[in-house]
Amino acid sequence: MLKVFYNKSQIFLTEDAGVDKLSQTRSKVVLSYHNRTELWEIIKYVETDAPYLEKVFITGRSFELLKQDFFACFTLVEAAGGVIINEKNQILLIFRKGKWDIPKGKVEAGESYDTAALREVSEETGITDVKIVHPLNNIAVNGQATWHFYKQKGERIIKPTYWFEMKCHSNVNFVPQIEEGIELMEWADREKLPDYYNNIYGSIRDVLDIYVIS
């Protein structure tokens, strides 16, 4: 199974026929496809009804073929980012374009995911003394990455973001990257992370869920 976000809608790609037995509503639907043309129509439907859709399950005869056909509908743009934790066990959040977020950005040509993640963290936050602890591999459903798609200048983009846990000190000097729409940054206690969830992207919530202390 693969989980992909479109705005607030969650799209699940699966060959599990069991989802056909789910009770369907306006906000939760199960759709099957038989060819790439039908898949295009499903994607257009998701884009049109996104404000009403919470979960969409797309089923196919083969999960690998489903992924192949789904990805063929988009241009792939890879990204990488970091969950930064200080010595007080707090996590760094940034406020970007009206939503809470964590540092991330596009992988440049020839870059590895870890190099891109460190560069993006430095560019967006001004923090240079940060070290990778390990890549994340326990994100809900997908494991190593979050996925989302969007339209930009008429082109459909699908973006996997690969995440790394990072460490730095709490007394670093922040330099928000204003040109990227970053207005402020703050350290958040892990037990208070859910307080930010009413104004955060679903994919970012999936990452932060790993760190929530109840």
N, C-alpha and C. Protein backbone atom coordinates (compact mmCIF):
# COMPACT_ATOMS: atom_id res chain seq x y z
N MET A 1 0.85 -1.20 0.00
CA MET A 1 0.00 0.00 0.00
C MET A 1 0.88 1.24 0.00
N LEU A 2 0.43 2.26 -0.71
CA LEU A 2 1.12 3.55 -0.72
C LEU A 2 0.10 4.64 -0.41
N LYS A 3 0.49 5.58 0.44
CA LYS A 3 -0.38 6.69 0.83
C LYS A 3 0.13 7.97 0.20
N VAL A 4 -0.75 8.65 -0.52
CA VAL A 4 -0.39 9.89 -1.21
C VAL A 4 -1.41 10.96 -0.83
N PHE A 5 -0.94 12.15 -0.50
CA PHE A 5 -1.83 13.25 -0.15
C PHE A 5 -2.08 14.14 -1.37
N TYR A 6 -3.33 14.61 -1.47
CA TYR A 6 -3.65 15.73 -2.35
C TYR A 6 -4.43 16.72 -1.50
N ASN A 7 -3.81 17.86 -1.19
CA ASN A 7 -4.36 18.77 -0.19
C ASN A 7 -4.66 17.98 1.09
N LYS A 8 -5.91 17.96 1.54
CA LYS A 8 -6.24 17.22 2.76
C LYS A 8 -6.70 15.79 2.49
N SER A 9 -6.87 15.46 1.23
CA SER A 9 -7.34 14.12 0.88
C SER A 9 -6.20 13.11 0.96
N GLN A 10 -6.52 11.92 1.48
CA GLN A 10 -5.56 10.82 1.55
C GLN A 10 -5.92 9.78 0.49
N ILE A 11 -4.99 9.49 -0.41
CA ILE A 11 -5.21 8.51 -1.46
C ILE A 11 -4.36 7.28 -1.15
N PHE A 12 -4.99 6.12 -1.12
CA PHE A 12 -4.29 4.87 -0.84
C PHE A 12 -4.29 4.01 -2.09
N LEU A 13 -3.11 3.65 -2.55
CA LEU A 13 -2.98 2.72 -3.67
C LEU A 13 -2.81 1.32 -3.10
N THR A 14 -3.66 0.38 -3.53
CA THR A 14 -3.62 -0.95 -2.94
C THR A 14 -4.20 -1.98 -3.89
N GLU A 15 -3.74 -3.21 -3.78
CA GLU A 15 -4.38 -4.32 -4.51
C GLU A 15 -5.23 -5.15 -3.57
N ASP A 16 -5.39 -4.69 -2.33
CA ASP A 16 -6.17 -5.42 -1.33
C ASP A 16 -7.65 -5.33 -1.67
N ALA A 17 -8.19 -6.43 -2.12
CA ALA A 17 -9.61 -6.43 -2.49
C ALA A 17 -10.52 -6.23 -1.28
N GLY A 18 -9.99 -6.42 -0.09
CA GLY A 18 -10.79 -6.27 1.12
C GLY A 18 -11.34 -4.88 1.31
N VAL A 19 -10.68 -3.87 0.74
CA VAL A 19 -11.19 -2.51 0.92
C VAL A 19 -12.53 -2.32 0.22
N ASP A 20 -12.86 -3.20 -0.72
CA ASP A 20 -14.15 -3.09 -1.39
C ASP A 20 -15.31 -3.27 -0.42
N LYS A 21 -15.03 -3.86 0.72
CA LYS A 21 -16.07 -4.12 1.71
C LYS A 21 -16.26 -2.95 2.67
N LEU A 22 -15.43 -1.93 2.54
CA LEU A 22 -15.57 -0.76 3.40
C LEU A 22 -16.88 -0.05 3.11
N SER A 23 -17.50 0.46 4.14
CA SER A 23 -18.71 1.25 3.93
C SER A 23 -18.31 2.59 3.33
N GLN A 24 -18.88 2.93 2.19
CA GLN A 24 -18.47 4.14 1.48
C GLN A 24 -19.42 5.30 1.81
N THR A 25 -18.83 6.48 1.85
CA THR A 25 -19.59 7.71 2.09
C THR A 25 -19.10 8.76 1.10
N ARG A 26 -19.61 9.97 1.22
CA ARG A 26 -19.15 11.05 0.34
C ARG A 26 -17.67 11.33 0.57
N SER A 27 -17.20 11.11 1.82
CA SER A 27 -15.81 11.44 2.14
C SER A 27 -14.87 10.24 2.07
N LYS A 28 -15.41 9.03 1.92
CA LYS A 28 -14.56 7.83 1.86
C LYS A 28 -15.07 6.94 0.74
N VAL A 29 -14.23 6.78 -0.31
CA VAL A 29 -14.66 6.02 -1.47
C VAL A 29 -13.61 5.00 -1.87
N VAL A 30 -14.06 3.95 -2.53
CA VAL A 30 -13.19 2.91 -3.08
C VAL A 30 -13.39 2.89 -4.59
N LEU A 31 -12.31 3.02 -5.35
CA LEU A 31 -12.39 3.07 -6.80
C LEU A 31 -11.40 2.08 -7.40
N SER A 32 -11.83 1.35 -8.40
CA SER A 32 -10.93 0.43 -9.09
C SER A 32 -10.71 0.93 -10.52
N TYR A 33 -9.58 0.53 -11.10
CA TYR A 33 -9.30 0.95 -12.47
C TYR A 33 -8.82 -0.27 -13.26
N HIS A 34 -8.97 -0.20 -14.59
CA HIS A 34 -8.56 -1.29 -15.46
C HIS A 34 -7.54 -0.85 -16.50
N ASN A 35 -7.43 0.45 -16.72
CA ASN A 35 -6.43 0.96 -17.66
C ASN A 35 -6.04 2.37 -17.25
N ARG A 36 -5.00 2.88 -17.88
CA ARG A 36 -4.45 4.18 -17.48
C ARG A 36 -5.42 5.33 -17.74
N THR A 37 -6.27 5.18 -18.75
CA THR A 37 -7.28 6.22 -19.02
C THR A 37 -8.24 6.35 -17.85
N GLU A 38 -8.67 5.22 -17.31
CA GLU A 38 -9.56 5.25 -16.14
C GLU A 38 -8.85 5.87 -14.95
N LEU A 39 -7.56 5.60 -14.82
CA LEU A 39 -6.81 6.16 -13.70
C LEU A 39 -6.71 7.67 -13.81
N TRP A 40 -6.54 8.17 -15.03
CA TRP A 40 -6.55 9.61 -15.25
C TRP A 40 -7.87 10.22 -14.77
N GLU A 41 -8.95 9.56 -15.08
CA GLU A 41 -10.27 10.06 -14.69
C GLU A 41 -10.43 10.05 -13.17
N ILE A 42 -9.88 9.04 -12.51
CA ILE A 42 -9.93 8.98 -11.05
C ILE A 42 -9.16 10.14 -10.44
N ILE A 43 -7.98 10.42 -10.99
CA ILE A 43 -7.16 11.53 -10.48
C ILE A 43 -7.90 12.86 -10.65
N LYS A 44 -8.53 13.05 -11.80
CA LYS A 44 -9.30 14.28 -12.04
C LYS A 44 -10.47 14.38 -11.05
N TYR A 45 -11.08 13.25 -10.77
CA TYR A 45 -12.19 13.22 -9.80
C TYR A 45 -11.70 13.64 -8.42
N VAL A 46 -10.55 13.10 -8.02
CA VAL A 46 -9.98 13.46 -6.72
C VAL A 46 -9.70 14.96 -6.66
N GLU A 47 -9.13 15.50 -7.71
CA GLU A 47 -8.82 16.93 -7.74
C GLU A 47 -10.08 17.78 -7.66
N THR A 48 -11.14 17.34 -8.32
CA THR A 48 -12.39 18.11 -8.34
C THR A 48 -13.12 18.05 -7.01
N ASP A 49 -13.17 16.85 -6.41
CA ASP A 49 -13.94 16.66 -5.18
C ASP A 49 -13.09 16.70 -3.92
N ALA A 50 -11.84 17.14 -4.03
CA ALA A 50 -10.93 17.13 -2.90
C ALA A 50 -11.48 17.77 -1.62
N PRO A 51 -12.23 18.87 -1.70
CA PRO A 51 -12.75 19.46 -0.47
C PRO A 51 -13.65 18.53 0.33
N TYR A 52 -14.24 17.53 -0.34
CA TYR A 52 -15.17 16.63 0.33
C TYR A 52 -14.56 15.27 0.67
N LEU A 53 -13.43 14.98 0.06
CA LEU A 53 -12.85 13.63 0.19
C LEU A 53 -11.84 13.56 1.33
N GLU A 54 -12.05 12.61 2.20
CA GLU A 54 -11.08 12.37 3.27
C GLU A 54 -10.15 11.23 2.88
N LYS A 55 -10.72 10.11 2.42
CA LYS A 55 -9.93 8.96 2.03
C LYS A 55 -10.44 8.39 0.71
N VAL A 56 -9.49 8.08 -0.18
CA VAL A 56 -9.81 7.45 -1.45
C VAL A 56 -8.90 6.23 -1.60
N PHE A 57 -9.52 5.07 -1.79
CA PHE A 57 -8.77 3.83 -2.01
C PHE A 57 -8.84 3.49 -3.49
N ILE A 58 -7.70 3.42 -4.14
CA ILE A 58 -7.64 3.05 -5.55
C ILE A 58 -7.06 1.64 -5.62
N THR A 59 -7.83 0.73 -6.21
CA THR A 59 -7.40 -0.66 -6.26
C THR A 59 -7.08 -1.06 -7.70
N GLY A 60 -6.15 -2.02 -7.81
CA GLY A 60 -5.78 -2.54 -9.12
C GLY A 60 -5.41 -4.00 -9.01
N ARG A 61 -5.25 -4.63 -10.16
CA ARG A 61 -4.94 -6.06 -10.17
C ARG A 61 -3.58 -6.35 -9.55
N SER A 62 -2.64 -5.44 -9.72
CA SER A 62 -1.29 -5.59 -9.21
C SER A 62 -0.85 -4.28 -8.58
N PHE A 63 -0.33 -4.33 -7.36
CA PHE A 63 0.13 -3.11 -6.69
C PHE A 63 1.25 -2.45 -7.48
N GLU A 64 2.20 -3.24 -7.98
CA GLU A 64 3.33 -2.68 -8.73
C GLU A 64 2.85 -2.03 -10.02
N LEU A 65 1.90 -2.66 -10.71
CA LEU A 65 1.36 -2.06 -11.93
C LEU A 65 0.56 -0.81 -11.61
N LEU A 66 -0.18 -0.83 -10.51
CA LEU A 66 -0.93 0.34 -10.08
C LEU A 66 0.00 1.52 -9.82
N LYS A 67 1.10 1.28 -9.09
CA LYS A 67 2.07 2.35 -8.84
C LYS A 67 2.66 2.86 -10.15
N GLN A 68 3.02 1.95 -11.02
CA GLN A 68 3.62 2.33 -12.30
C GLN A 68 2.67 3.22 -13.10
N ASP A 69 1.42 2.81 -13.20
CA ASP A 69 0.44 3.60 -13.95
C ASP A 69 0.14 4.93 -13.27
N PHE A 70 0.06 4.92 -11.94
CA PHE A 70 -0.22 6.14 -11.19
C PHE A 70 0.92 7.14 -11.38
N PHE A 71 2.15 6.70 -11.21
CA PHE A 71 3.30 7.59 -11.35
C PHE A 71 3.43 8.14 -12.77
N ALA A 72 2.97 7.35 -13.76
CA ALA A 72 3.06 7.79 -15.15
C ALA A 72 2.17 9.00 -15.43
N CYS A 73 1.25 9.28 -14.53
CA CYS A 73 0.35 10.44 -14.69
C CYS A 73 0.97 11.73 -14.19
N PHE A 74 2.20 11.65 -13.64
CA PHE A 74 2.81 12.81 -12.99
C PHE A 74 4.27 12.98 -13.42
N THR A 75 4.78 14.18 -13.13
CA THR A 75 6.21 14.43 -13.18
C THR A 75 6.77 14.24 -11.78
N LEU A 76 7.82 13.45 -11.65
CA LEU A 76 8.40 13.16 -10.34
C LEU A 76 9.38 14.25 -9.93
N VAL A 77 9.19 14.79 -8.72
CA VAL A 77 10.13 15.74 -8.12
C VAL A 77 10.43 15.26 -6.71
N GLU A 78 11.68 14.89 -6.44
CA GLU A 78 12.03 14.36 -5.13
C GLU A 78 12.46 15.47 -4.17
N ALA A 79 12.20 15.24 -2.88
CA ALA A 79 12.56 16.21 -1.85
C ALA A 79 13.11 15.47 -0.63
N ALA A 80 13.71 16.23 0.27
CA ALA A 80 14.25 15.65 1.50
C ALA A 80 14.17 16.71 2.60
N GLY A 81 14.07 16.24 3.84
CA GLY A 81 13.95 17.18 4.96
C GLY A 81 14.37 16.56 6.27
N GLY A 82 14.28 17.37 7.33
CA GLY A 82 14.75 16.90 8.61
C GLY A 82 13.83 17.21 9.77
N VAL A 83 13.75 16.26 10.70
CA VAL A 83 13.10 16.47 11.99
C VAL A 83 14.23 16.80 12.97
N ILE A 84 14.30 18.06 13.39
CA ILE A 84 15.43 18.53 14.20
C ILE A 84 15.05 18.49 15.67
N ILE A 85 15.85 17.79 16.47
CA ILE A 85 15.59 17.61 17.89
C ILE A 85 16.76 18.19 18.69
N ASN A 86 16.44 18.97 19.74
CA ASN A 86 17.51 19.54 20.56
C ASN A 86 17.75 18.70 21.81
N GLU A 87 18.67 19.17 22.66
CA GLU A 87 19.04 18.41 23.85
C GLU A 87 17.93 18.37 24.90
N LYS A 88 16.89 19.20 24.71
CA LYS A 88 15.74 19.18 25.60
C LYS A 88 14.62 18.28 25.06
N ASN A 89 14.92 17.58 23.98
CA ASN A 89 13.97 16.67 23.34
C ASN A 89 12.82 17.41 22.67
N GLN A 90 13.04 18.67 22.32
CA GLN A 90 12.04 19.46 21.60
C GLN A 90 12.29 19.35 20.10
N ILE A 91 11.24 19.60 19.33
CA ILE A 91 11.31 19.51 17.88
C ILE A 91 11.11 20.89 17.26
N LEU A 92 11.91 21.19 16.26
CA LEU A 92 11.84 22.50 15.61
C LEU A 92 10.71 22.52 14.58
N LEU A 93 9.80 23.47 14.74
CA LEU A 93 8.74 23.70 13.77
C LEU A 93 8.94 25.06 13.11
N ILE A 94 8.57 25.15 11.85
CA ILE A 94 8.63 26.43 11.15
C ILE A 94 7.22 26.80 10.71
N PHE A 95 6.95 28.09 10.63
CA PHE A 95 5.64 28.57 10.17
C PHE A 95 5.84 29.14 8.78
N ARG A 96 5.29 28.42 7.79
CA ARG A 96 5.54 28.74 6.39
C ARG A 96 4.22 28.92 5.65
N LYS A 97 4.05 30.09 5.08
CA LYS A 97 2.87 30.38 4.25
C LYS A 97 1.56 30.00 4.95
N GLY A 98 1.48 30.34 6.23
CA GLY A 98 0.25 30.17 6.98
C GLY A 98 0.05 28.81 7.61
N LYS A 99 1.04 27.91 7.51
CA LYS A 99 0.91 26.58 8.11
C LYS A 99 2.19 26.19 8.84
N TRP A 100 2.03 25.35 9.86
CA TRP A 100 3.18 24.80 10.56
C TRP A 100 3.80 23.70 9.69
N ASP A 101 5.11 23.62 9.74
CA ASP A 101 5.83 22.74 8.82
C ASP A 101 7.16 22.35 9.47
N ILE A 102 7.94 21.53 8.79
CA ILE A 102 9.31 21.23 9.18
C ILE A 102 10.19 21.40 7.95
N PRO A 103 11.47 21.69 8.14
CA PRO A 103 12.34 22.06 6.99
C PRO A 103 12.46 20.93 5.97
N LYS A 104 12.34 21.32 4.70
CA LYS A 104 12.43 20.35 3.60
C LYS A 104 12.57 21.12 2.30
N GLY A 105 12.97 20.41 1.25
CA GLY A 105 13.05 21.04 -0.05
C GLY A 105 13.48 20.06 -1.12
N LYS A 106 13.52 20.53 -2.35
CA LYS A 106 13.81 19.67 -3.50
C LYS A 106 15.25 19.16 -3.49
N VAL A 107 15.40 17.94 -3.95
CA VAL A 107 16.72 17.34 -4.13
C VAL A 107 17.28 17.84 -5.47
N GLU A 108 18.48 18.39 -5.43
CA GLU A 108 19.10 18.88 -6.66
C GLU A 108 19.77 17.74 -7.42
N ALA A 109 20.03 17.97 -8.69
CA ALA A 109 20.64 16.94 -9.54
C ALA A 109 21.97 16.48 -8.95
N GLY A 110 22.13 15.17 -8.82
CA GLY A 110 23.38 14.61 -8.31
C GLY A 110 23.48 14.55 -6.80
N GLU A 111 22.48 15.09 -6.09
CA GLU A 111 22.51 15.09 -4.63
C GLU A 111 21.96 13.79 -4.07
N SER A 112 22.52 13.34 -2.95
CA SER A 112 21.92 12.25 -2.18
C SER A 112 20.84 12.84 -1.30
N TYR A 113 19.94 12.00 -0.80
CA TYR A 113 18.85 12.49 0.04
C TYR A 113 19.38 13.14 1.32
N ASP A 114 20.39 12.54 1.95
CA ASP A 114 20.90 13.11 3.20
C ASP A 114 21.58 14.45 2.98
N THR A 115 22.33 14.57 1.88
CA THR A 115 22.98 15.85 1.56
C THR A 115 21.93 16.93 1.29
N ALA A 116 20.90 16.57 0.55
CA ALA A 116 19.84 17.53 0.25
C ALA A 116 19.12 17.96 1.52
N ALA A 117 18.86 17.00 2.42
CA ALA A 117 18.16 17.33 3.67
C ALA A 117 18.97 18.31 4.50
N LEU A 118 20.27 18.08 4.63
CA LEU A 118 21.12 18.99 5.41
C LEU A 118 21.19 20.37 4.75
N ARG A 119 21.30 20.42 3.44
CA ARG A 119 21.35 21.70 2.74
C ARG A 119 20.05 22.47 2.93
N GLU A 120 18.91 21.80 2.76
CA GLU A 120 17.63 22.48 2.90
C GLU A 120 17.41 22.99 4.32
N VAL A 121 17.81 22.19 5.32
CA VAL A 121 17.69 22.63 6.71
C VAL A 121 18.51 23.89 6.93
N SER A 122 19.73 23.89 6.43
CA SER A 122 20.60 25.06 6.59
C SER A 122 20.03 26.29 5.90
N GLU A 123 19.53 26.11 4.66
CA GLU A 123 19.00 27.24 3.90
C GLU A 123 17.73 27.80 4.53
N GLU A 124 16.85 26.93 5.01
CA GLU A 124 15.56 27.41 5.49
C GLU A 124 15.61 27.93 6.92
N THR A 125 16.55 27.45 7.73
CA THR A 125 16.58 27.83 9.14
C THR A 125 17.81 28.65 9.53
N GLY A 126 18.86 28.60 8.72
CA GLY A 126 20.12 29.26 9.07
C GLY A 126 21.00 28.43 10.00
N ILE A 127 20.54 27.23 10.37
CA ILE A 127 21.30 26.36 11.27
C ILE A 127 22.34 25.60 10.47
N THR A 128 23.59 25.71 10.87
CA THR A 128 24.66 24.98 10.19
C THR A 128 25.22 23.85 11.04
N ASP A 129 25.10 23.98 12.36
CA ASP A 129 25.64 22.96 13.25
C ASP A 129 24.56 21.93 13.58
N VAL A 130 24.23 21.13 12.59
CA VAL A 130 23.21 20.10 12.74
C VAL A 130 23.73 18.80 12.15
N LYS A 131 23.42 17.70 12.77
CA LYS A 131 23.92 16.40 12.33
C LYS A 131 22.77 15.42 12.16
N ILE A 132 22.90 14.57 11.16
CA ILE A 132 21.92 13.51 10.94
C ILE A 132 22.16 12.38 11.93
N VAL A 133 21.06 11.94 12.57
CA VAL A 133 21.13 10.79 13.48
C VAL A 133 20.86 9.51 12.70
N HIS A 134 19.77 9.51 11.95
CA HIS A 134 19.43 8.36 11.11
C HIS A 134 18.28 8.73 10.19
N PRO A 135 18.12 8.02 9.08
CA PRO A 135 16.93 8.24 8.23
C PRO A 135 15.71 7.67 8.91
N LEU A 136 14.56 8.30 8.68
CA LEU A 136 13.31 7.75 9.21
C LEU A 136 12.83 6.63 8.30
N ASN A 137 12.40 5.55 8.89
CA ASN A 137 11.90 4.42 8.10
C ASN A 137 10.61 3.85 8.69
N ASN A 138 9.98 4.61 9.60
CA ASN A 138 8.76 4.11 10.26
C ASN A 138 7.61 5.10 10.14
N ILE A 139 7.57 5.83 9.02
CA ILE A 139 6.44 6.72 8.75
C ILE A 139 5.22 5.87 8.40
N ALA A 140 4.06 6.28 8.90
CA ALA A 140 2.84 5.50 8.71
C ALA A 140 2.62 5.14 7.24
N VAL A 141 2.33 3.89 6.99
CA VAL A 141 2.02 3.30 5.68
C VAL A 141 3.26 3.23 4.77
N ASN A 142 3.94 4.36 4.55
CA ASN A 142 4.98 4.41 3.52
C ASN A 142 6.38 4.04 4.01
N GLY A 143 6.64 4.17 5.29
CA GLY A 143 7.96 3.81 5.79
C GLY A 143 8.98 4.92 5.68
N GLN A 144 9.61 5.08 4.51
CA GLN A 144 10.74 5.99 4.38
C GLN A 144 10.40 7.40 3.92
N ALA A 145 9.22 7.60 3.36
CA ALA A 145 8.92 8.90 2.77
C ALA A 145 7.45 9.24 2.90
N THR A 146 7.15 10.52 2.79
CA THR A 146 5.77 10.97 2.61
C THR A 146 5.61 11.33 1.14
N TRP A 147 4.38 11.21 0.65
CA TRP A 147 4.10 11.49 -0.76
C TRP A 147 2.93 12.46 -0.87
N HIS A 148 3.02 13.39 -1.80
CA HIS A 148 1.86 14.21 -2.13
C HIS A 148 1.95 14.65 -3.58
N PHE A 149 0.80 15.02 -4.16
CA PHE A 149 0.83 15.55 -5.52
C PHE A 149 0.07 16.86 -5.58
N TYR A 150 0.38 17.63 -6.61
CA TYR A 150 -0.21 18.96 -6.78
C TYR A 150 -0.08 19.36 -8.24
N LYS A 151 -0.77 20.43 -8.60
CA LYS A 151 -0.68 20.96 -9.95
C LYS A 151 0.06 22.29 -9.92
N GLN A 152 0.97 22.46 -10.86
CA GLN A 152 1.76 23.69 -10.92
C GLN A 152 1.88 24.10 -12.39
N LYS A 153 1.30 25.25 -12.72
CA LYS A 153 1.31 25.75 -14.09
C LYS A 153 0.79 24.71 -15.07
N GLY A 154 -0.28 24.03 -14.66
CA GLY A 154 -0.93 23.05 -15.53
C GLY A 154 -0.27 21.68 -15.53
N GLU A 155 0.82 21.52 -14.81
CA GLU A 155 1.53 20.25 -14.77
C GLU A 155 1.27 19.55 -13.44
N ARG A 156 1.02 18.24 -13.51
CA ARG A 156 0.81 17.46 -12.28
C ARG A 156 2.16 16.96 -11.76
N ILE A 157 2.45 17.29 -10.52
CA ILE A 157 3.72 16.92 -9.89
C ILE A 157 3.44 15.94 -8.75
N ILE A 158 4.20 14.86 -8.67
CA ILE A 158 4.15 13.99 -7.50
C ILE A 158 5.50 14.07 -6.82
N LYS A 159 5.45 14.26 -5.49
CA LYS A 159 6.69 14.52 -4.75
C LYS A 159 6.82 13.60 -3.54
N PRO A 160 7.80 12.70 -3.58
CA PRO A 160 8.16 11.97 -2.36
C PRO A 160 9.17 12.80 -1.57
N THR A 161 8.99 12.88 -0.26
CA THR A 161 9.95 13.57 0.61
C THR A 161 10.56 12.56 1.57
N TYR A 162 11.88 12.45 1.54
CA TYR A 162 12.61 11.51 2.38
C TYR A 162 13.10 12.25 3.62
N TRP A 163 12.86 11.64 4.78
CA TRP A 163 13.06 12.34 6.05
C TRP A 163 14.21 11.75 6.87
N PHE A 164 14.87 12.64 7.62
CA PHE A 164 15.97 12.26 8.48
C PHE A 164 15.80 12.90 9.86
N GLU A 165 16.10 12.14 10.89
CA GLU A 165 16.15 12.72 12.23
C GLU A 165 17.50 13.40 12.40
N MET A 166 17.48 14.62 12.97
CA MET A 166 18.70 15.41 13.13
C MET A 166 18.81 15.94 14.55
N LYS A 167 20.01 16.29 14.95
CA LYS A 167 20.27 16.83 16.28
C LYS A 167 20.97 18.19 16.16
N CYS A 168 20.60 19.10 17.06
CA CYS A 168 21.34 20.35 17.21
C CYS A 168 21.01 20.94 18.58
N HIS A 169 21.73 21.99 18.98
CA HIS A 169 21.52 22.63 20.28
C HIS A 169 20.36 23.62 20.22
N SER A 170 19.74 23.85 21.35
CA SER A 170 18.58 24.72 21.41
C SER A 170 18.93 26.20 21.32
N ASN A 171 20.21 26.54 21.56
CA ASN A 171 20.60 27.95 21.57
C ASN A 171 21.13 28.43 20.23
N VAL A 172 20.79 27.75 19.15
CA VAL A 172 21.24 28.18 17.82
C VAL A 172 20.53 29.46 17.42
N ASN A 173 21.14 30.22 16.54
CA ASN A 173 20.52 31.44 16.01
C ASN A 173 19.74 31.09 14.75
N PHE A 174 18.44 31.37 14.78
CA PHE A 174 17.60 31.11 13.63
C PHE A 174 17.69 32.25 12.62
N VAL A 175 17.74 31.88 11.35
CA VAL A 175 17.66 32.87 10.27
C VAL A 175 16.63 32.34 9.27
N PRO A 176 15.35 32.66 9.48
CA PRO A 176 14.29 32.13 8.60
C PRO A 176 14.51 32.57 7.15
N GLN A 177 14.29 31.65 6.23
CA GLN A 177 14.43 31.95 4.81
C GLN A 177 13.14 32.65 4.34
N ILE A 178 13.17 33.97 4.40
CA ILE A 178 11.98 34.78 4.12
C ILE A 178 11.46 34.53 2.71
N GLU A 179 12.38 34.38 1.74
CA GLU A 179 11.95 34.20 0.35
C GLU A 179 11.18 32.89 0.14
N GLU A 180 11.28 31.96 1.08
CA GLU A 180 10.51 30.72 1.02
C GLU A 180 9.23 30.80 1.86
N GLY A 181 8.91 32.00 2.32
CA GLY A 181 7.67 32.21 3.05
C GLY A 181 7.73 31.80 4.51
N ILE A 182 8.93 31.60 5.05
CA ILE A 182 9.07 31.19 6.46
C ILE A 182 9.05 32.44 7.34
N GLU A 183 8.06 32.51 8.21
CA GLU A 183 7.86 33.70 9.03
C GLU A 183 8.48 33.58 10.41
N LEU A 184 8.43 32.38 10.99
CA LEU A 184 8.99 32.19 12.33
C LEU A 184 9.32 30.72 12.55
N MET A 185 10.10 30.47 13.61
CA MET A 185 10.47 29.11 14.00
C MET A 185 10.40 29.01 15.50
N GLU A 186 10.04 27.83 16.00
CA GLU A 186 10.01 27.65 17.44
C GLU A 186 10.20 26.19 17.81
N TRP A 187 10.73 25.99 19.02
CA TRP A 187 10.89 24.65 19.56
C TRP A 187 9.58 24.20 20.19
N ALA A 188 9.13 23.01 19.85
CA ALA A 188 7.87 22.49 20.39
C ALA A 188 8.13 21.27 21.26
N ASP A 189 7.53 21.25 22.45
CA ASP A 189 7.60 20.06 23.29
C ASP A 189 6.85 18.92 22.62
N ARG A 190 7.36 17.72 22.73
CA ARG A 190 6.78 16.60 22.00
C ARG A 190 5.35 16.30 22.44
N GLU A 191 5.04 16.48 23.71
CA GLU A 191 3.67 16.21 24.16
C GLU A 191 2.69 17.27 23.67
N LYS A 192 3.20 18.40 23.16
CA LYS A 192 2.33 19.46 22.68
C LYS A 192 2.22 19.49 21.15
N LEU A 193 2.87 18.57 20.46
CA LEU A 193 2.81 18.56 19.00
C LEU A 193 1.38 18.52 18.46
N PRO A 194 0.46 17.72 19.06
CA PRO A 194 -0.91 17.70 18.54
C PRO A 194 -1.60 19.06 18.57
N ASP A 195 -1.12 19.99 19.39
CA ASP A 195 -1.71 21.32 19.43
C ASP A 195 -1.54 22.05 18.10
N TYR A 196 -0.56 21.63 17.31
CA TYR A 196 -0.29 22.27 16.02
C TYR A 196 -1.05 21.61 14.87
N TYR A 197 -1.70 20.50 15.13
CA TYR A 197 -2.26 19.68 14.05
C TYR A 197 -3.46 20.31 13.35
N ASN A 198 -4.10 21.30 13.96
CA ASN A 198 -5.25 21.91 13.29
C ASN A 198 -4.82 22.84 12.16
N ASN A 199 -3.50 23.05 12.02
CA ASN A 199 -3.00 23.94 10.97
C ASN A 199 -1.68 23.40 10.43
N ILE A 200 -1.75 22.16 9.92
CA ILE A 200 -0.53 21.50 9.45
C ILE A 200 -0.89 20.55 8.31
N TYR A 201 0.03 20.33 7.42
CA TYR A 201 -0.20 19.40 6.32
C TYR A 201 -0.28 17.97 6.84
N GLY A 202 -1.14 17.16 6.20
CA GLY A 202 -1.30 15.78 6.64
C GLY A 202 -0.02 14.98 6.57
N SER A 203 0.79 15.21 5.54
CA SER A 203 2.04 14.48 5.41
C SER A 203 3.01 14.83 6.53
N ILE A 204 3.00 16.08 6.97
CA ILE A 204 3.88 16.50 8.07
C ILE A 204 3.39 15.89 9.37
N ARG A 205 2.09 15.81 9.52
CA ARG A 205 1.54 15.16 10.71
C ARG A 205 1.98 13.70 10.78
N ASP A 206 2.00 13.02 9.64
CA ASP A 206 2.43 11.62 9.62
C ASP A 206 3.86 11.48 10.15
N VAL A 207 4.71 12.45 9.82
CA VAL A 207 6.10 12.41 10.31
C VAL A 207 6.15 12.71 11.80
N LEU A 208 5.46 13.75 12.22
CA LEU A 208 5.52 14.16 13.63
C LEU A 208 4.85 13.14 14.55
N ASP A 209 3.90 12.37 14.03
CA ASP A 209 3.23 11.35 14.85
C ASP A 209 4.24 10.37 15.47
N ILE A 210 5.36 10.18 14.79
CA ILE A 210 6.41 9.29 15.30
C ILE A 210 6.93 9.78 16.64
N TYR A 211 6.87 11.09 16.85
CA TYR A 211 7.52 11.70 18.01
C TYR A 211 6.56 12.15 19.11
N VAL A 212 5.27 12.01 18.88
CA VAL A 212 4.30 12.48 19.86
C VAL A 212 4.40 11.66 21.15
N ILE A 213 4.44 12.37 22.26
CA ILE A 213 4.39 11.73 23.58
C ILE A 213 3.03 12.01 24.18
N SER A 214 2.28 10.97 24.50
CA SER A 214 0.92 11.17 25.03
C SER A 214 0.95 11.15 26.56
